Amino acid sequence: KEGDFVALQAIQKTEEDSLMFSSYDLDRTIFLAQQKPTFKGDMFSALSLLSEGDSATFKIDLDSIEKKMGMPKPLNTKGKYTLYTFAIKKVIPKGKLNDTVFNDQIQAFIKTETDKAKNSEAGKITRYIAAKNLKPVVTASGLKYIVNKPGNGPKATPGDTVQLNYTGSFLTGKIFDTS
């Protein structure tokens, strides 16, 4: 219901099946407050049909999203709809709870989720390194890195300006940023 706290996983795709967004790639839960729908058949209309533990896929009209929410259509799509797949992980109903109690319940849930994520990251990274047979350098702070091609120039020192090339990717191999 409107005002309730919702924790969910989400995937957004074009009708042509191009992935636009996946919270699974980020390995993080999305937190939001259920809102009053902007228009009949929008994302919040879809979420209002679901309960904790449910998952479903919805087709939402791109023209309505653009006209009624002011969000531009995704580039390179010829379809009329965007597809959202939602998996509802947790619902904390606002009901008659006062704001303090309601917010305390939300913060406790978020802390639990954050702690779980923190505690599982080290294991995921260790498994990834082992599976790829990587031999990273480990700094005193615990940062792990691999030099792909050593250079022969001077080492950077604090205050220096450096130019570098990099690629950031998820453990799945999907690149999220590159120079």
Foldseek 3Di string as FASTA:
>chain_A
DAFKKWKKWKWKAAPVGHTDDTVVLVVAIDIDGQHDDLDPQDPSNVVVVDDAQDKDKGWGFQVCCCVRVVDHDDPPGPDGTMMMIMGTHDIGDCPVPDPVVSVVVVVVVVVVRVVVVVVCVVVLVVVLCVVVVHDFDADPVGDTDDDPDDDDDDDDDPPDDDDDWDWDGGSVRHTDDTD
